[in-house]
Amino acid sequence: MSDVRVLFDPNRERPVAGFGAPKPIGKDATAARYALGEYLDAALMRPLFFDGTQQQARIETALETMTPAERVYLEIEMSERARQLHSFDYDPLR
């Protein structure tokens, strides 16, 4: 990633909760929102009594109320997990 991201700008007003996750407008924003949702689905512990629709509603609520700081944290976690390569992932025939 060669994009420069500004994490803090002292002249910018502090945003309220709900402006962290990208809105599904356009291909890139939809893909980023989908990736965040997939990560949250894998990372959030699912209660035993939850079915798929309840979990999806929980993820949508998390995306709608996400703050920019939470998104930065999730992006860092996602990039760190993507870099890990385990020995059982190695396939010499690829």
C-alpha atoms as a PDB file:
ATOM      1  CA  MET A   1       0.000   0.000   0.000  1.00  0.00           C
ATOM      2  CA  SER A   2       1.549   3.217  -1.133  1.00  0.00           C
ATOM      3  CA  ASP A   3      -1.388   5.400  -0.071  1.00  0.00           C
ATOM      4  CA  VAL A   4      -0.652   8.034   2.529  1.00  0.00           C
ATOM      5  CA  ARG A   5      -3.257   8.101   5.280  1.00  0.00           C
ATOM      6  CA  VAL A   6      -3.618  10.926   7.768  1.00  0.00           C
ATOM      7  CA  LEU A   7      -4.559   9.505  11.150  1.00  0.00           C
ATOM      8  CA  PHE A   8      -4.730  12.807  13.005  1.00  0.00           C
ATOM      9  CA  ASP A   9      -5.367  16.361  11.927  1.00  0.00           C
ATOM     10  CA  PRO A  10      -5.530  18.911  14.759  1.00  0.00           C
ATOM     11  CA  ASN A  11      -7.574  21.355  12.641  1.00  0.00           C
ATOM     12  CA  ARG A  12     -10.303  18.857  11.884  1.00  0.00           C
ATOM     13  CA  GLU A  13     -13.474  18.646  13.958  1.00  0.00           C
ATOM     14  CA  ARG A  14     -13.914  15.502  15.998  1.00  0.00           C
ATOM     15  CA  PRO A  15     -16.382  13.196  14.199  1.00  0.00           C
ATOM     16  CA  VAL A  16     -19.210  11.446  15.981  1.00  0.00           C
ATOM     17  CA  ALA A  17     -19.745   7.695  15.944  1.00  0.00           C
ATOM     18  CA  GLY A  18     -20.942   6.295  12.673  1.00  0.00           C
ATOM     19  CA  PHE A  19     -18.522   7.848  10.201  1.00  0.00           C
ATOM     20  CA  GLY A  20     -15.791   5.201  10.436  1.00  0.00           C
ATOM     21  CA  ALA A  21     -16.935   2.533   8.009  1.00  0.00           C
ATOM     22  CA  PRO A  22     -17.239   3.475   4.340  1.00  0.00           C
ATOM     23  CA  LYS A  23     -20.732   3.892   2.941  1.00  0.00           C
ATOM     24  CA  PRO A  24     -21.541   1.375   0.175  1.00  0.00           C
ATOM     25  CA  ILE A  25     -21.316   3.908  -2.650  1.00  0.00           C
ATOM     26  CA  GLY A  26     -19.089   2.774  -5.500  1.00  0.00           C
ATOM     27  CA  LYS A  27     -17.060  -0.392  -6.019  1.00  0.00           C
ATOM     28  CA  ASP A  28     -14.102   0.466  -3.795  1.00  0.00           C
ATOM     29  CA  ALA A  29     -16.199   1.559  -0.832  1.00  0.00           C
ATOM     30  CA  THR A  30     -18.446  -1.485  -1.139  1.00  0.00           C
ATOM     31  CA  ALA A  31     -15.409  -3.791  -1.270  1.00  0.00           C
ATOM     32  CA  ALA A  32     -13.843  -2.100   1.770  1.00  0.00           C
ATOM     33  CA  ARG A  33     -17.101  -2.339   3.721  1.00  0.00           C
ATOM     34  CA  TYR A  34     -17.459  -5.998   2.752  1.00  0.00           C
ATOM     35  CA  ALA A  35     -13.880  -6.739   3.869  1.00  0.00           C
ATOM     36  CA  LEU A  36     -14.520  -5.050   7.229  1.00  0.00           C
ATOM     37  CA  GLY A  37     -17.736  -7.034   7.625  1.00  0.00           C
ATOM     38  CA  GLU A  38     -15.995 -10.316   6.816  1.00  0.00           C
ATOM     39  CA  TYR A  39     -13.266  -9.552   9.330  1.00  0.00           C
ATOM     40  CA  LEU A  40     -15.804  -8.640  12.026  1.00  0.00           C
ATOM     41  CA  ASP A  41     -17.735 -11.844  11.314  1.00  0.00           C
ATOM     42  CA  ALA A  42     -14.578 -13.876  11.841  1.00  0.00           C
ATOM     43  CA  ALA A  43     -13.251 -11.880  14.804  1.00  0.00           C
ATOM     44  CA  LEU A  44     -16.396 -11.277  16.883  1.00  0.00           C
ATOM     45  CA  MET A  45     -17.326 -14.121  19.160  1.00  0.00           C
ATOM     46  CA  ARG A  46     -20.750 -15.408  18.156  1.00  0.00           C
ATOM     47  CA  PRO A  47     -23.139 -16.319  20.980  1.00  0.00           C
ATOM     48  CA  LEU A  48     -24.452 -19.875  20.833  1.00  0.00           C
ATOM     49  CA  PHE A  49     -28.055 -18.825  20.257  1.00  0.00           C
ATOM     50  CA  PHE A  50     -27.323 -16.493  17.317  1.00  0.00           C
ATOM     51  CA  ASP A  51     -28.338 -17.538  13.825  1.00  0.00           C
ATOM     52  CA  GLY A  52     -27.001 -16.065  10.595  1.00  0.00           C
ATOM     53  CA  THR A  53     -29.461 -13.185  10.379  1.00  0.00           C
ATOM     54  CA  GLN A  54     -28.812 -12.089  13.958  1.00  0.00           C
ATOM     55  CA  GLN A  55     -25.058 -12.175  13.373  1.00  0.00           C
ATOM     56  CA  GLN A  56     -25.447 -10.185  10.155  1.00  0.00           C
ATOM     57  CA  ALA A  57     -27.558  -7.593  11.990  1.00  0.00           C
ATOM     58  CA  ARG A  58     -24.883  -7.398  14.690  1.00  0.00           C
ATOM     59  CA  ILE A  59     -22.188  -6.794  12.070  1.00  0.00           C
ATOM     60  CA  GLU A  60     -24.289  -4.135  10.309  1.00  0.00           C
ATOM     61  CA  THR A  61     -24.801  -2.364  13.645  1.00  0.00           C
ATOM     62  CA  ALA A  62     -21.051  -2.476  14.285  1.00  0.00           C
ATOM     63  CA  LEU A  63     -20.367  -1.027  10.832  1.00  0.00           C
ATOM     64  CA  GLU A  64     -22.978   1.715  11.184  1.00  0.00           C
ATOM     65  CA  THR A  65     -21.697   2.870  14.594  1.00  0.00           C
ATOM     66  CA  MET A  66     -17.965   2.460  13.881  1.00  0.00           C
ATOM     67  CA  THR A  67     -15.737   5.413  14.721  1.00  0.00           C
ATOM     68  CA  PRO A  68     -12.700   6.362  12.620  1.00  0.00           C
ATOM     69  CA  ALA A  69     -10.386   5.185  15.424  1.00  0.00           C
ATOM     70  CA  GLU A  70     -12.060   1.763  15.425  1.00  0.00           C
ATOM     71  CA  ARG A  71     -11.671   1.525  11.669  1.00  0.00           C
ATOM     72  CA  VAL A  72      -7.971   2.370  11.869  1.00  0.00           C
ATOM     73  CA  TYR A  73      -7.543  -0.324  14.527  1.00  0.00           C
ATOM     74  CA  LEU A  74      -9.407  -2.886  12.400  1.00  0.00           C
ATOM     75  CA  GLU A  75      -7.428  -1.986   9.272  1.00  0.00           C
ATOM     76  CA  ILE A  76      -4.162  -2.502  11.187  1.00  0.00           C
ATOM     77  CA  GLU A  77      -5.391  -5.831  12.568  1.00  0.00           C
ATOM     78  CA  MET A  78      -6.513  -6.958   9.114  1.00  0.00           C
ATOM     79  CA  SER A  79      -3.167  -6.071   7.526  1.00  0.00           C
ATOM     80  CA  GLU A  80      -1.200  -7.804  10.298  1.00  0.00           C
ATOM     81  CA  ARG A  81      -3.252 -10.977   9.983  1.00  0.00           C
ATOM     82  CA  ALA A  82      -2.912 -10.984   6.207  1.00  0.00           C
ATOM     83  CA  ARG A  83       0.894 -11.018   6.443  1.00  0.00           C
ATOM     84  CA  GLN A  84       1.058 -14.213   8.481  1.00  0.00           C
ATOM     85  CA  LEU A  85       2.015 -17.338   6.594  1.00  0.00           C
ATOM     86  CA  HIS A  86       1.853 -20.669   8.338  1.00  0.00           C
ATOM     87  CA  SER A  87       3.707 -23.812   7.348  1.00  0.00           C
ATOM     88  CA  PHE A  88       0.429 -25.642   6.664  1.00  0.00           C
ATOM     89  CA  ASP A  89      -0.430 -22.934   4.098  1.00  0.00           C
ATOM     90  CA  TYR A  90       2.666 -23.757   2.060  1.00  0.00           C
ATOM     91  CA  ASP A  91       2.004 -25.787  -1.037  1.00  0.00           C
ATOM     92  CA  PRO A  92       5.123 -26.617  -3.073  1.00  0.00           C
ATOM     93  CA  LEU A  93       3.041 -27.472  -6.154  1.00  0.00           C
ATOM     94  CA  ARG A  94       1.564 -23.981  -6.504  1.00  0.00           C
END
